[in-house]
Amino acid sequence: MISVLIPVHNVEKYVVQSINSTLEQHQNHLELILIDDGSADNSDKICCEFVSQDNRIIVIQTPPSGVSFARTIGLQAATGDLVMFVDSDDWLDLDTVQQCVSEFEKNPNLDCLLFTYAKEYEGNTYPKHTFESDLRINDKKDFQSIIYRRLFGLTNEELDHPERLEYMTTCWGKVYRREKIQNCRFVDIEQIGSCEDGLFNMDALLSCQSAVYLDKPFYHYRYTTGSLTQKYRQNLSDQWHHLFALMQQRLDNYDLSADFREALNNRIALSVLGIGMNEMNNPDGSFFQFAGYMKQYISSSDYRAAIKTMKLQKLPLPWKVLMLCCKWRFGFGTALILKAIRMIKNRL
């Protein structure tokens, strides 16, 4: 049996589609665990109505504690041999579970399965690709270098596509063996700002030796205005400093190779984009304050150590120019490029 875990919080507009996309899967041996994280709208009521219609559903109600706590509670309640996560404003293709379970049935030694996703805008769908084709990995060394190291960051040819930095880190888009992850926990996002599922995967996938990657966008990630990534987070740089420290801690504790350290350094160097995009959401900041803030960020000792070792040759030209401004501590130039990136993104 497979357990599908959906944390729910104030998503009455979308949660029905998410739930239905799970219940309508072409797979009978399934349990759906809905964890309502203290919703203030009708999300909780909607979840409870579904329980009366389908005995495969379990609803867990908690006070508002955040997505990390909700996922951890759901994982503790799961009884399936396999586990997958879905966010409550997203949805799955109807044959997702069947195709994933089929891979585990064909290979009893398979540790985890990964698949790609499509980013859903109003009226437009954009498929994303972590790799260029399907992959089948049956060796721990290959798993470590191809899958696990990507959790920490990009290296070498992967820097051709810096936008793929987080494609591997999500907990959705994966099917896990429950025995591999049942003792893992999600770090509170309030402590680290983002990438709580990346840290989870660094623990959950550590012992894996085999994996299948299906280059099929089974998962549909809904882009919504007002999401966490579009709100100004005043403490994001401090939170990410803590996030990077926890990643470094795993590098040390798990005695990982130099490739992992290079990947983490590249992640820290590329963080200038996320920090800049967040700071542009500051309602009280002028451009000159923004430029000064970016100058301060790229001058910090941790950032200097990361950008110093980054190899820029493989980066696309706009990223290369941005990283050169960061290397030269050119705060005004860094701010201008980030502003231009924001304008281009807004026009797409």
Protein backbone atom coordinates (compact mmCIF):
# COMPACT_ATOMS: atom_id res chain seq x y z
CA MET A 1 0.00 0.00 0.00
CA ILE A 2 1.06 3.60 -0.60
CA SER A 3 0.37 6.47 1.79
CA VAL A 4 -0.20 9.91 0.25
CA LEU A 5 0.33 12.77 2.71
CA ILE A 6 -1.23 16.18 2.09
CA PRO A 7 -0.67 19.00 4.61
CA VAL A 8 -3.60 21.44 4.43
CA HIS A 9 -3.70 25.10 5.48
CA ASN A 10 -6.19 27.71 4.22
CA VAL A 11 -6.52 26.30 0.71
CA GLU A 12 -10.29 25.96 0.34
CA LYS A 13 -10.00 27.20 -3.26
CA TYR A 14 -7.68 24.38 -4.36
CA VAL A 15 -7.81 21.47 -1.92
CA VAL A 16 -10.73 19.67 -3.60
CA GLN A 17 -8.74 19.28 -6.83
CA SER A 18 -5.72 18.06 -4.88
CA ILE A 19 -7.73 15.47 -2.94
CA ASN A 20 -9.64 14.27 -6.00
CA SER A 21 -6.45 13.85 -8.00
CA THR A 22 -5.32 11.38 -5.32
CA LEU A 23 -8.59 9.53 -4.79
CA GLU A 24 -9.09 9.05 -8.54
CA GLN A 25 -5.70 7.37 -9.00
CA HIS A 26 -5.69 4.08 -10.89
CA GLN A 27 -4.51 2.32 -7.73
CA ASN A 28 -6.73 0.67 -5.12
CA HIS A 29 -4.21 0.04 -2.33
CA LEU A 30 -3.90 3.63 -1.17
CA GLU A 31 -4.43 5.65 1.98
CA LEU A 32 -4.76 9.42 1.94
CA ILE A 33 -3.72 11.30 5.07
CA LEU A 34 -4.88 14.92 5.26
CA ILE A 35 -3.20 16.98 7.99
CA ASP A 36 -5.17 20.16 8.62
CA ASP A 37 -2.75 22.69 10.08
CA GLY A 38 -5.27 24.88 11.92
CA SER A 39 -6.99 26.25 8.81
CA ALA A 40 -9.07 29.39 9.37
CA ASP A 41 -11.15 28.93 6.21
CA ASN A 42 -13.31 25.96 5.13
CA SER A 43 -10.40 23.63 4.36
CA ASP A 44 -10.98 21.55 7.49
CA LYS A 45 -14.69 21.19 6.74
CA ILE A 46 -13.92 20.09 3.17
CA CYS A 47 -11.47 17.44 4.43
CA CYS A 48 -14.02 16.06 6.91
CA GLU A 49 -16.68 15.85 4.19
CA PHE A 50 -14.37 13.68 2.11
CA VAL A 51 -13.84 11.30 5.06
CA SER A 52 -17.56 10.45 5.06
CA GLN A 53 -17.36 9.58 1.36
CA ASP A 54 -14.21 7.42 1.23
CA ASN A 55 -12.81 5.12 3.91
CA ARG A 56 -9.29 5.43 2.51
CA ILE A 57 -9.01 8.93 4.02
CA ILE A 58 -7.63 9.87 7.44
CA VAL A 59 -7.89 13.46 8.69
CA ILE A 60 -5.53 14.72 11.39
CA GLN A 61 -6.26 18.13 12.93
CA THR A 62 -3.50 20.16 14.57
CA PRO A 63 -3.13 23.74 15.85
CA PRO A 64 -1.34 26.04 13.37
CA SER A 65 2.25 24.74 13.51
CA GLY A 66 3.56 25.01 9.96
CA VAL A 67 4.03 22.66 7.03
CA SER A 68 7.09 20.94 8.52
CA PHE A 69 5.19 19.84 11.63
CA ALA A 70 2.18 18.77 9.54
CA ARG A 71 4.30 16.59 7.26
CA THR A 72 6.09 15.01 10.21
CA ILE A 73 2.77 14.20 11.92
CA GLY A 74 1.45 12.68 8.69
CA LEU A 75 4.57 10.57 8.26
CA GLN A 76 4.22 9.20 11.78
CA ALA A 77 0.63 8.18 11.00
CA ALA A 78 1.39 6.54 7.64
CA THR A 79 1.01 2.76 7.38
CA GLY A 80 1.84 2.17 3.71
CA ASP A 81 5.04 0.48 2.58
CA LEU A 82 5.50 3.45 0.25
CA VAL A 83 5.03 7.16 0.98
CA MET A 84 4.59 10.23 -1.18
CA PHE A 85 3.90 13.88 -0.39
CA VAL A 86 1.56 16.25 -2.23
CA ASP A 87 0.99 19.94 -1.45
CA SER A 88 -2.65 20.92 -1.03
CA ASP A 89 -2.76 23.42 -3.89
CA ASP A 90 -1.11 21.01 -6.37
CA TRP A 91 -2.33 17.86 -8.10
CA LEU A 92 -1.23 14.59 -9.72
CA ASP A 93 -1.82 12.98 -13.10
CA LEU A 94 -4.31 10.14 -12.66
CA ASP A 95 -1.85 7.34 -13.48
CA THR A 96 0.96 8.67 -11.28
CA VAL A 97 0.62 6.25 -8.37
CA GLN A 98 0.06 3.21 -10.57
CA GLN A 99 3.18 3.88 -12.65
CA CYS A 100 5.28 4.56 -9.56
CA VAL A 101 4.09 1.49 -7.67
CA SER A 102 4.69 -0.61 -10.79
CA GLU A 103 8.38 0.37 -10.70
CA PHE A 104 8.68 -0.86 -7.10
CA GLU A 105 6.90 -4.10 -7.98
CA LYS A 106 9.32 -4.72 -10.85
CA ASN A 107 12.33 -4.01 -8.63
CA PRO A 108 11.96 -5.15 -4.99
CA ASN A 109 15.34 -3.57 -4.16
CA LEU A 110 14.35 -0.10 -5.37
CA ASP A 111 14.90 2.46 -2.59
CA CYS A 112 13.18 5.52 -4.06
CA LEU A 113 11.56 6.85 -7.20
CA LEU A 114 11.68 10.38 -8.56
CA PHE A 115 9.66 12.11 -11.27
CA THR A 116 9.48 15.59 -12.66
CA TYR A 117 6.75 18.24 -12.61
CA ALA A 118 4.98 20.93 -14.58
CA LYS A 119 4.72 24.49 -13.30
CA GLU A 120 1.13 25.64 -13.70
CA TYR A 121 0.34 29.29 -14.31
CA GLU A 122 -3.10 30.65 -15.11
CA GLY A 123 -3.64 29.31 -18.63
CA ASN A 124 -0.06 28.09 -19.18
CA THR A 125 1.83 24.90 -18.34
CA TYR A 126 5.63 24.64 -18.31
CA PRO A 127 7.14 21.13 -17.89
CA LYS A 128 10.44 21.05 -15.95
CA HIS A 129 13.21 18.48 -16.23
CA THR A 130 15.71 17.56 -13.53
CA PHE A 131 17.53 15.31 -16.01
CA GLU A 132 17.19 15.01 -19.77
CA SER A 133 15.82 11.44 -19.81
CA ASP A 134 14.80 8.51 -17.60
CA LEU A 135 17.48 7.15 -15.26
CA ARG A 136 17.90 3.82 -13.47
CA ILE A 137 20.56 3.69 -10.76
CA ASN A 138 21.57 0.48 -8.97
CA ASP A 139 24.86 1.44 -7.36
CA LYS A 140 25.37 3.49 -4.19
CA LYS A 141 28.33 5.40 -5.65
CA ASP A 142 26.24 6.44 -8.66
CA PHE A 143 23.30 7.31 -6.43
CA GLN A 144 25.52 9.53 -4.29
CA SER A 145 27.05 11.38 -7.25
CA ILE A 146 23.95 11.69 -9.47
CA ILE A 147 21.08 12.08 -6.99
CA TYR A 148 22.23 12.71 -3.43
CA ARG A 149 24.91 15.30 -4.15
CA ARG A 150 22.37 17.39 -6.10
CA LEU A 151 20.54 18.03 -2.83
CA PHE A 152 23.46 20.20 -1.74
CA GLY A 153 23.85 22.12 -4.98
CA LEU A 154 25.03 22.15 -8.59
CA THR A 155 28.52 21.53 -9.99
CA ASN A 156 30.26 21.44 -13.36
CA GLU A 157 27.87 21.03 -16.34
CA GLU A 158 24.85 21.31 -14.04
CA LEU A 159 25.63 25.03 -13.79
CA ASP A 160 24.42 25.35 -17.39
CA HIS A 161 20.98 25.42 -15.76
CA PRO A 162 21.22 27.25 -12.41
CA GLU A 163 17.41 27.51 -12.38
CA ARG A 164 17.37 23.77 -11.61
CA LEU A 165 19.02 24.27 -8.21
CA GLU A 166 15.96 23.19 -6.21
CA TYR A 167 14.50 20.62 -8.62
CA MET A 168 15.95 17.75 -6.59
CA THR A 169 15.25 19.04 -3.09
CA THR A 170 11.44 18.85 -2.93
CA CYS A 171 9.74 16.05 -1.00
CA TRP A 172 6.94 15.99 -3.57
CA GLY A 173 7.90 14.40 -6.87
CA LYS A 174 9.25 11.37 -5.02
CA VAL A 175 8.06 8.01 -3.71
CA TYR A 176 9.93 6.72 -0.66
CA ARG A 177 10.06 3.40 1.12
CA ARG A 178 8.57 4.19 4.52
CA GLU A 179 11.21 2.13 6.33
CA LYS A 180 13.87 4.50 4.93
CA ILE A 181 12.24 7.71 6.14
CA GLN A 182 10.04 6.90 9.14
CA ASN A 183 12.57 8.29 11.64
CA CYS A 184 13.33 11.46 9.64
CA ARG A 185 11.86 14.83 10.56
CA PHE A 186 11.25 18.17 8.83
CA VAL A 187 12.97 21.24 10.28
CA ASP A 188 10.65 24.14 11.09
CA ILE A 189 10.64 26.50 8.11
CA GLU A 190 10.56 29.47 10.50
CA GLN A 191 14.12 28.56 11.47
CA ILE A 192 15.58 28.17 7.99
CA GLY A 193 13.39 30.21 5.63
CA SER A 194 12.97 27.50 2.97
CA CYS A 195 14.34 24.14 1.74
CA GLU A 196 13.00 22.23 4.73
CA ASP A 197 12.33 19.31 2.40
CA GLY A 198 15.91 19.52 1.11
CA LEU A 199 17.23 18.96 4.63
CA PHE A 200 14.71 16.14 5.07
CA ASN A 201 15.97 14.45 1.91
CA MET A 202 19.59 14.78 3.02
CA ASP A 203 18.67 12.52 5.94
CA ALA A 204 16.07 10.37 4.17
CA LEU A 205 18.13 9.46 1.10
CA LEU A 206 21.51 9.03 2.80
CA SER A 207 21.40 5.24 2.88
CA CYS A 208 19.78 4.74 -0.53
CA GLN A 209 21.59 2.69 -3.16
CA SER A 210 19.07 2.49 -5.99
CA ALA A 211 16.65 4.88 -7.65
CA VAL A 212 14.53 5.38 -10.73
CA TYR A 213 13.95 8.80 -12.28
CA LEU A 214 11.00 9.08 -14.66
CA ASP A 215 11.21 12.11 -16.92
CA LYS A 216 7.45 12.55 -16.85
CA PRO A 217 5.70 15.61 -15.30
CA PHE A 218 3.27 13.63 -13.15
CA TYR A 219 3.16 16.43 -10.56
CA HIS A 220 1.48 19.78 -11.21
CA TYR A 221 2.88 22.65 -9.15
CA ARG A 222 0.45 25.57 -9.00
CA TYR A 223 1.95 29.05 -9.08
CA THR A 224 -0.19 31.27 -6.88
CA THR A 225 0.15 34.96 -6.04
CA GLY A 226 0.74 35.67 -2.37
CA SER A 227 2.78 32.53 -1.80
CA LEU A 228 5.60 32.42 0.76
CA THR A 229 8.25 33.09 -1.89
CA GLN A 230 6.50 36.32 -2.94
CA LYS A 231 6.13 37.79 0.53
CA TYR A 232 8.85 39.91 2.11
CA ARG A 233 10.71 37.92 4.75
CA GLN A 234 12.70 40.32 6.90
CA ASN A 235 14.94 37.65 8.42
CA LEU A 236 15.60 35.55 5.32
CA SER A 237 19.37 36.09 5.22
CA ASP A 238 19.68 35.01 8.86
CA GLN A 239 17.41 32.01 8.23
CA TRP A 240 19.45 30.94 5.21
CA HIS A 241 22.64 31.36 7.20
CA HIS A 242 21.18 28.79 9.62
CA LEU A 243 20.04 26.59 6.70
CA PHE A 244 23.53 26.54 5.19
CA ALA A 245 25.01 25.76 8.61
CA LEU A 246 22.70 22.73 8.93
CA MET A 247 23.75 21.57 5.47
CA GLN A 248 27.40 22.00 6.43
CA GLN A 249 26.69 20.00 9.58
CA ARG A 250 25.45 17.12 7.46
CA LEU A 251 28.54 17.34 5.27
CA ASP A 252 30.67 16.91 8.36
CA ASN A 253 28.54 14.31 10.14
CA TYR A 254 28.16 12.13 7.07
CA ASP A 255 31.82 12.55 6.03
CA LEU A 256 30.91 13.55 2.48
CA SER A 257 33.44 14.21 -0.26
CA ALA A 258 34.84 17.46 -1.69
CA ASP A 259 32.24 17.39 -4.49
CA PHE A 260 29.51 17.91 -1.89
CA ARG A 261 31.38 20.86 -0.39
CA GLU A 262 31.77 22.42 -3.84
CA ALA A 263 28.03 21.95 -4.43
CA LEU A 264 27.15 23.66 -1.15
CA ASN A 265 29.50 26.55 -1.90
CA ASN A 266 27.79 27.00 -5.26
CA ARG A 267 24.39 26.95 -3.55
CA ILE A 268 25.53 29.73 -1.20
CA ALA A 269 26.91 31.76 -4.12
CA LEU A 270 23.67 31.39 -6.11
CA SER A 271 21.63 32.41 -3.05
CA VAL A 272 22.18 36.04 -4.05
CA LEU A 273 19.24 35.70 -6.45
CA GLY A 274 16.78 34.55 -3.78
CA ILE A 275 18.04 37.12 -1.29
CA GLY A 276 17.74 39.86 -3.90
CA MET A 277 14.26 38.87 -5.03
CA ASN A 278 13.12 38.83 -1.42
CA GLU A 279 14.64 42.23 -0.65
CA MET A 280 12.88 43.75 -3.66
CA ASN A 281 9.62 42.80 -1.93
CA ASN A 282 10.53 45.11 0.98
CA PRO A 283 7.78 47.76 0.88
CA ASP A 284 9.94 50.32 2.71
CA GLY A 285 13.15 50.05 0.70
CA SER A 286 14.47 52.42 -1.98
CA PHE A 287 16.77 51.25 -4.79
CA PHE A 288 19.81 52.71 -3.04
CA GLN A 289 18.90 50.91 0.18
CA PHE A 290 18.49 47.73 -1.87
CA ALA A 291 21.93 48.19 -3.46
CA GLY A 292 23.46 48.81 -0.05
CA TYR A 293 21.82 45.68 1.35
CA MET A 294 23.13 43.57 -1.54
CA LYS A 295 26.61 45.03 -1.05
CA GLN A 296 26.44 43.98 2.60
CA TYR A 297 25.24 40.47 1.74
CA ILE A 298 27.90 39.75 -0.90
CA SER A 299 30.60 41.15 1.42
CA SER A 300 29.83 38.74 4.28
CA SER A 301 32.60 36.29 5.14
CA ASP A 302 30.54 33.18 4.37
CA TYR A 303 29.50 34.52 0.98
CA ARG A 304 33.05 35.60 0.14
CA ALA A 305 34.33 32.09 0.87
CA ALA A 306 31.66 30.56 -1.39
CA ILE A 307 31.91 32.91 -4.36
CA LYS A 308 35.72 32.74 -4.27
CA THR A 309 35.74 29.07 -5.26
CA MET A 310 32.83 29.10 -7.72
CA LYS A 311 33.71 28.21 -11.32
CA LEU A 312 31.80 30.58 -13.58
CA GLN A 313 32.64 29.11 -16.99
CA LYS A 314 29.50 26.96 -17.33
CA LEU A 315 27.01 29.61 -16.20
CA PRO A 316 24.72 31.30 -18.77
CA LEU A 317 25.90 34.82 -19.61
CA PRO A 318 23.41 36.78 -17.41
CA TRP A 319 24.29 34.59 -14.42
CA LYS A 320 27.99 34.94 -15.18
CA VAL A 321 27.72 38.75 -15.15
CA LEU A 322 25.74 38.63 -11.90
CA MET A 323 28.30 36.37 -10.24
CA LEU A 324 31.17 38.57 -11.44
CA CYS A 325 29.50 41.59 -9.81
CA CYS A 326 29.25 39.55 -6.62
CA LYS A 327 32.90 38.49 -6.83
CA TRP A 328 33.93 42.13 -7.27
CA ARG A 329 31.60 43.25 -4.40
CA PHE A 330 29.85 45.58 -6.85
CA GLY A 331 26.62 46.12 -4.93
CA PHE A 332 25.14 48.66 -7.34
CA GLY A 333 25.75 46.40 -10.35
CA THR A 334 24.38 43.38 -8.49
CA ALA A 335 21.22 45.34 -7.64
CA LEU A 336 20.77 46.53 -11.24
CA ILE A 337 21.03 43.02 -12.66
CA LEU A 338 18.60 41.66 -10.08
CA LYS A 339 16.14 44.45 -10.91
CA ALA A 340 16.44 43.57 -14.61
CA ILE A 341 15.81 39.89 -13.85
CA ARG A 342 12.70 40.82 -11.87
CA MET A 343 11.39 42.98 -14.75
CA ILE A 344 11.93 40.19 -17.28
CA LYS A 345 10.23 37.62 -15.05
CA ASN A 346 7.24 39.92 -14.53
CA ARG A 347 6.76 40.28 -18.28
CA LEU A 348 6.75 36.54 -18.94
